[in-house]
Each structure stands twice: as structure tokens, then as C-alpha cells.
Amino acid sequence: MKVKQTNVMFMVLALISALVFLQSEAADRCPTGNINLVPGCFDALRLASDKDYSRLSRDCCRAVFSLISDTCYFLFYPSPPCPIKMFKNICLNVNYVPAGSRF
């Protein structure tokens, strides 16, 4: 009986150690609450990750800057995860063209 208890205790200890020391992937994802409130913002960010900034709006950038964390990532399938810091930099450098403009 002692050998069985020792094996069980070792497995429990290994499981707890793995959970404590391994970083969770779910914690790295950015919350999309404010971004989902802006129509078309998530799609605009997906396009911006491919260097198409044409649909990025001021309201969408405000939603991006409302995220407090600078270390989270957006997941756009099938593209690799994109850090939120990249979108904050894009929003800082985007030149907004007025809606009535031809350019």
C-alpha cells in the first residue's frame, strides 16, 4: 500500500508543478470586449496584420488603446498570433483620411 501511495503522491506533485510553472496560453490572449463593440474593428485589425490599413478607424484604435495589457496577443486564424503592441504602434502611425476625400 505504501508504494501505491508514494506513486500517487508523486503524480499529484508532478501535476501541480506543471500547472504552476508552465505559462497558460489562454492568459496571453487579448480580451476582445471593446473591440467587438466597434463594428468591423476585428476585421480591420485582421487586415492591418497583413499591412492593409484602409479599414482601420479612430474608434477601432480607441478600442485597441483601451486594452491595458501590452503583452497579450490577437489570434487571427490561420495567421500567427499578433501582439497588441503591434496594433498600438499601427494606430499611432496611421494617417486618417477624411471620409469625403478621394484619396
N, C-alpha and C. Protein backbone atom coordinates (compact mmCIF):
# COMPACT_ATOMS: atom_id res chain seq x y z
N MET A 1 0.82 -1.20 0.00
CA MET A 1 0.00 0.00 0.00
C MET A 1 0.86 1.26 0.00
N LYS A 2 2.00 1.23 0.63
CA LYS A 2 2.85 2.42 0.69
C LYS A 2 3.42 2.79 -0.67
N VAL A 3 3.76 1.83 -1.49
CA VAL A 3 4.31 2.10 -2.81
C VAL A 3 3.24 2.77 -3.68
N LYS A 4 2.03 2.31 -3.58
CA LYS A 4 0.93 2.90 -4.34
C LYS A 4 0.69 4.35 -3.92
N GLN A 5 0.70 4.61 -2.63
CA GLN A 5 0.51 5.97 -2.12
C GLN A 5 1.65 6.88 -2.56
N THR A 6 2.87 6.36 -2.55
CA THR A 6 4.02 7.14 -2.98
C THR A 6 3.90 7.51 -4.46
N ASN A 7 3.47 6.56 -5.28
CA ASN A 7 3.30 6.84 -6.71
C ASN A 7 2.21 7.88 -6.96
N VAL A 8 1.12 7.77 -6.22
CA VAL A 8 0.04 8.74 -6.37
C VAL A 8 0.50 10.13 -5.93
N MET A 9 1.20 10.20 -4.83
CA MET A 9 1.69 11.49 -4.35
C MET A 9 2.69 12.10 -5.33
N PHE A 10 3.53 11.28 -5.93
CA PHE A 10 4.49 11.77 -6.92
C PHE A 10 3.75 12.33 -8.14
N MET A 11 2.71 11.64 -8.61
CA MET A 11 1.95 12.10 -9.78
C MET A 11 1.23 13.41 -9.47
N VAL A 12 0.66 13.52 -8.27
CA VAL A 12 -0.02 14.75 -7.89
C VAL A 12 0.97 15.91 -7.80
N LEU A 13 2.13 15.66 -7.24
CA LEU A 13 3.16 16.69 -7.14
C LEU A 13 3.65 17.11 -8.53
N ALA A 14 3.81 16.16 -9.43
CA ALA A 14 4.24 16.48 -10.80
C ALA A 14 3.17 17.30 -11.51
N LEU A 15 1.92 16.96 -11.32
CA LEU A 15 0.83 17.71 -11.96
C LEU A 15 0.75 19.14 -11.43
N ILE A 16 0.84 19.30 -10.14
CA ILE A 16 0.80 20.64 -9.54
C ILE A 16 2.00 21.47 -10.00
N SER A 17 3.17 20.87 -10.05
CA SER A 17 4.37 21.59 -10.51
C SER A 17 4.21 22.04 -11.95
N ALA A 18 3.68 21.18 -12.79
CA ALA A 18 3.48 21.53 -14.20
C ALA A 18 2.50 22.69 -14.34
N LEU A 19 1.43 22.66 -13.57
CA LEU A 19 0.44 23.74 -13.65
C LEU A 19 0.98 25.07 -13.13
N VAL A 20 1.84 25.02 -12.15
CA VAL A 20 2.39 26.24 -11.56
C VAL A 20 3.45 26.86 -12.46
N PHE A 21 4.33 26.03 -13.02
CA PHE A 21 5.48 26.55 -13.74
C PHE A 21 5.27 26.75 -15.23
N LEU A 22 4.27 26.13 -15.81
CA LEU A 22 4.01 26.33 -17.23
C LEU A 22 3.04 27.48 -17.41
N GLN A 23 3.36 28.37 -18.33
CA GLN A 23 2.50 29.52 -18.55
C GLN A 23 1.29 29.10 -19.37
N SER A 24 0.15 29.58 -18.99
CA SER A 24 -1.09 29.24 -19.69
C SER A 24 -1.19 30.02 -20.99
N GLU A 25 -1.60 29.35 -22.04
CA GLU A 25 -1.77 30.00 -23.33
C GLU A 25 -2.99 30.92 -23.33
N ALA A 26 -4.00 30.56 -22.57
CA ALA A 26 -5.22 31.36 -22.53
C ALA A 26 -4.98 32.73 -21.91
N ALA A 27 -4.01 32.87 -21.04
CA ALA A 27 -3.73 34.14 -20.39
C ALA A 27 -3.10 35.14 -21.37
N ASP A 28 -2.56 34.65 -22.48
CA ASP A 28 -1.88 35.52 -23.42
C ASP A 28 -2.83 36.17 -24.42
N ARG A 29 -4.05 35.69 -24.51
CA ARG A 29 -4.99 36.25 -25.48
C ARG A 29 -5.56 37.57 -24.99
N CYS A 30 -5.70 38.50 -25.92
CA CYS A 30 -6.28 39.79 -25.58
C CYS A 30 -7.79 39.66 -25.44
N PRO A 31 -8.38 40.33 -24.46
CA PRO A 31 -9.85 40.35 -24.40
C PRO A 31 -10.38 41.20 -25.55
N THR A 32 -11.46 40.76 -26.16
CA THR A 32 -11.97 41.46 -27.34
C THR A 32 -13.27 42.21 -27.07
N GLY A 33 -13.60 42.44 -25.81
CA GLY A 33 -14.85 43.09 -25.45
C GLY A 33 -15.07 44.43 -26.13
N ASN A 34 -14.17 45.39 -25.92
CA ASN A 34 -14.33 46.73 -26.51
C ASN A 34 -14.17 46.69 -28.03
N ILE A 35 -13.34 45.81 -28.52
CA ILE A 35 -13.10 45.72 -29.96
C ILE A 35 -14.34 45.19 -30.67
N ASN A 36 -15.05 44.27 -30.04
CA ASN A 36 -16.28 43.74 -30.63
C ASN A 36 -17.40 44.77 -30.63
N LEU A 37 -17.32 45.79 -29.79
CA LEU A 37 -18.35 46.84 -29.75
C LEU A 37 -18.25 47.79 -30.93
N VAL A 38 -17.08 47.87 -31.56
CA VAL A 38 -16.88 48.76 -32.71
C VAL A 38 -17.12 47.93 -33.97
N PRO A 39 -18.14 48.28 -34.77
CA PRO A 39 -18.45 47.49 -35.96
C PRO A 39 -17.26 47.41 -36.93
N GLY A 40 -16.90 46.19 -37.31
CA GLY A 40 -15.84 45.97 -38.29
C GLY A 40 -14.43 46.10 -37.75
N CYS A 41 -14.27 46.33 -36.46
CA CYS A 41 -12.94 46.56 -35.90
C CYS A 41 -12.08 45.30 -35.93
N PHE A 42 -12.65 44.17 -35.56
CA PHE A 42 -11.87 42.94 -35.54
C PHE A 42 -11.38 42.60 -36.94
N ASP A 43 -12.24 42.76 -37.94
CA ASP A 43 -11.83 42.51 -39.32
C ASP A 43 -10.78 43.52 -39.77
N ALA A 44 -10.91 44.76 -39.34
CA ALA A 44 -9.92 45.79 -39.69
C ALA A 44 -8.56 45.45 -39.09
N LEU A 45 -8.55 44.93 -37.87
CA LEU A 45 -7.29 44.53 -37.24
C LEU A 45 -6.69 43.33 -37.95
N ARG A 46 -7.54 42.40 -38.38
CA ARG A 46 -7.04 41.24 -39.12
C ARG A 46 -6.38 41.71 -40.42
N LEU A 47 -7.01 42.66 -41.11
CA LEU A 47 -6.43 43.20 -42.35
C LEU A 47 -5.16 44.00 -42.06
N ALA A 48 -5.15 44.73 -40.94
CA ALA A 48 -3.97 45.51 -40.57
C ALA A 48 -2.78 44.59 -40.28
N SER A 49 -3.05 43.39 -39.80
CA SER A 49 -1.95 42.45 -39.55
C SER A 49 -1.30 42.02 -40.86
N ASP A 50 -2.03 42.17 -41.98
CA ASP A 50 -1.48 41.89 -43.32
C ASP A 50 -1.09 43.17 -44.05
N LYS A 51 -0.94 44.26 -43.31
CA LYS A 51 -0.49 45.57 -43.83
C LYS A 51 -1.52 46.27 -44.70
N ASP A 52 -2.79 46.00 -44.47
CA ASP A 52 -3.87 46.72 -45.14
C ASP A 52 -4.57 47.56 -44.08
N TYR A 53 -4.26 48.86 -44.06
CA TYR A 53 -4.77 49.75 -43.01
C TYR A 53 -6.00 50.54 -43.45
N SER A 54 -6.57 50.22 -44.60
CA SER A 54 -7.64 51.02 -45.17
C SER A 54 -8.92 51.03 -44.34
N ARG A 55 -9.20 50.00 -43.58
CA ARG A 55 -10.44 49.93 -42.81
C ARG A 55 -10.28 50.29 -41.34
N LEU A 56 -9.08 50.64 -40.95
CA LEU A 56 -8.81 50.97 -39.55
C LEU A 56 -9.37 52.36 -39.23
N SER A 57 -10.21 52.44 -38.23
CA SER A 57 -10.86 53.71 -37.89
C SER A 57 -10.36 54.23 -36.54
N ARG A 58 -10.68 55.48 -36.27
CA ARG A 58 -10.30 56.07 -34.97
C ARG A 58 -10.96 55.32 -33.82
N ASP A 59 -12.23 54.97 -33.99
CA ASP A 59 -12.94 54.25 -32.93
C ASP A 59 -12.29 52.89 -32.66
N CYS A 60 -11.85 52.24 -33.72
CA CYS A 60 -11.19 50.95 -33.56
C CYS A 60 -9.87 51.13 -32.81
N CYS A 61 -9.12 52.15 -33.15
CA CYS A 61 -7.86 52.41 -32.45
C CYS A 61 -8.10 52.78 -30.99
N ARG A 62 -9.17 53.49 -30.72
CA ARG A 62 -9.50 53.80 -29.32
C ARG A 62 -9.79 52.51 -28.55
N ALA A 63 -10.47 51.57 -29.21
CA ALA A 63 -10.75 50.28 -28.57
C ALA A 63 -9.45 49.51 -28.32
N VAL A 64 -8.51 49.60 -29.25
CA VAL A 64 -7.21 48.94 -29.08
C VAL A 64 -6.47 49.55 -27.90
N PHE A 65 -6.48 50.87 -27.80
CA PHE A 65 -5.78 51.53 -26.70
C PHE A 65 -6.49 51.37 -25.36
N SER A 66 -7.74 50.93 -25.38
CA SER A 66 -8.44 50.70 -24.12
C SER A 66 -7.95 49.42 -23.43
N LEU A 67 -7.25 48.58 -24.16
CA LEU A 67 -6.68 47.37 -23.56
C LEU A 67 -5.47 47.76 -22.73
N ILE A 68 -5.47 47.37 -21.49
CA ILE A 68 -4.42 47.77 -20.56
C ILE A 68 -3.13 47.00 -20.80
N SER A 69 -3.25 45.72 -21.09
CA SER A 69 -2.07 44.87 -21.23
C SER A 69 -1.32 45.16 -22.53
N ASP A 70 0.00 45.19 -22.45
CA ASP A 70 0.83 45.32 -23.64
C ASP A 70 1.46 43.99 -24.04
N THR A 71 1.11 42.94 -23.32
CA THR A 71 1.76 41.65 -23.56
C THR A 71 0.82 40.60 -24.13
N CYS A 72 -0.44 40.96 -24.40
CA CYS A 72 -1.37 39.96 -24.92
C CYS A 72 -1.30 39.89 -26.45
N TYR A 73 -1.91 38.86 -27.00
CA TYR A 73 -1.86 38.60 -28.44
C TYR A 73 -3.26 38.42 -29.00
N PHE A 74 -3.46 38.87 -30.26
CA PHE A 74 -4.67 38.57 -31.00
C PHE A 74 -4.42 37.33 -31.84
N LEU A 75 -5.41 36.47 -31.90
CA LEU A 75 -5.30 35.26 -32.69
C LEU A 75 -6.18 35.41 -33.93
N PHE A 76 -5.55 35.45 -35.10
CA PHE A 76 -6.26 35.51 -36.37
C PHE A 76 -5.94 34.24 -37.13
N TYR A 77 -6.89 33.32 -37.20
CA TYR A 77 -6.65 32.08 -37.90
C TYR A 77 -6.62 32.34 -39.39
N PRO A 78 -5.72 31.83 -40.16
CA PRO A 78 -4.61 30.93 -39.89
C PRO A 78 -3.28 31.66 -39.66
N SER A 79 -3.31 32.95 -39.49
CA SER A 79 -2.07 33.72 -39.27
C SER A 79 -1.51 33.44 -37.87
N PRO A 80 -0.23 33.70 -37.68
CA PRO A 80 0.34 33.54 -36.33
C PRO A 80 -0.19 34.63 -35.40
N PRO A 81 -0.11 34.42 -34.10
CA PRO A 81 -0.59 35.44 -33.13
C PRO A 81 0.13 36.77 -33.31
N CYS A 82 -0.61 37.86 -33.17
CA CYS A 82 -0.05 39.21 -33.32
C CYS A 82 -0.12 39.93 -31.98
N PRO A 83 0.99 40.52 -31.54
CA PRO A 83 0.97 41.22 -30.25
C PRO A 83 0.16 42.52 -30.33
N ILE A 84 -0.51 42.85 -29.25
CA ILE A 84 -1.31 44.07 -29.19
C ILE A 84 -0.45 45.31 -29.38
N LYS A 85 0.80 45.22 -28.96
CA LYS A 85 1.71 46.36 -29.11
C LYS A 85 1.88 46.73 -30.59
N MET A 86 1.84 45.73 -31.47
CA MET A 86 1.96 46.00 -32.91
C MET A 86 0.79 46.86 -33.38
N PHE A 87 -0.43 46.55 -32.92
CA PHE A 87 -1.61 47.31 -33.33
C PHE A 87 -1.62 48.70 -32.71
N LYS A 88 -1.09 48.83 -31.51
CA LYS A 88 -1.00 50.16 -30.90
C LYS A 88 -0.03 51.03 -31.70
N ASN A 89 1.08 50.45 -32.16
CA ASN A 89 2.02 51.20 -32.99
C ASN A 89 1.42 51.55 -34.34
N ILE A 90 0.66 50.63 -34.93
CA ILE A 90 -0.01 50.92 -36.20
C ILE A 90 -0.98 52.09 -36.03
N CYS A 91 -1.75 52.05 -34.95
CA CYS A 91 -2.73 53.12 -34.71
C CYS A 91 -2.05 54.47 -34.48
N LEU A 92 -0.88 54.45 -33.89
CA LEU A 92 -0.15 55.71 -33.71
C LEU A 92 0.35 56.28 -35.02
N ASN A 93 0.62 55.42 -36.00
CA ASN A 93 1.23 55.86 -37.25
C ASN A 93 0.29 55.94 -38.43
N VAL A 94 -0.97 55.56 -38.26
CA VAL A 94 -1.93 55.59 -39.37
C VAL A 94 -2.34 57.03 -39.64
N ASN A 95 -2.36 57.40 -40.91
CA ASN A 95 -2.85 58.73 -41.31
C ASN A 95 -4.31 58.57 -41.67
N TYR A 96 -5.19 59.20 -40.90
CA TYR A 96 -6.62 59.09 -41.16
C TYR A 96 -6.98 60.02 -42.29
N VAL A 97 -7.72 59.50 -43.27
CA VAL A 97 -8.17 60.30 -44.39
C VAL A 97 -9.65 60.59 -44.17
N PRO A 98 -10.08 61.83 -44.29
CA PRO A 98 -11.49 62.15 -44.09
C PRO A 98 -12.39 61.34 -45.03
N ALA A 99 -13.60 61.05 -44.58
CA ALA A 99 -14.49 60.17 -45.32
C ALA A 99 -14.83 60.70 -46.71
N GLY A 100 -14.95 62.01 -46.89
CA GLY A 100 -15.30 62.58 -48.18
C GLY A 100 -14.13 62.75 -49.13
N SER A 101 -12.95 62.38 -48.71
CA SER A 101 -11.76 62.57 -49.53
C SER A 101 -11.68 61.52 -50.63
N ARG A 102 -11.04 61.86 -51.75
CA ARG A 102 -10.88 60.93 -52.86
C ARG A 102 -9.68 60.01 -52.65
N PHE A 103 -8.84 60.30 -51.71
CA PHE A 103 -7.63 59.52 -51.52
C PHE A 103 -7.82 58.44 -50.51
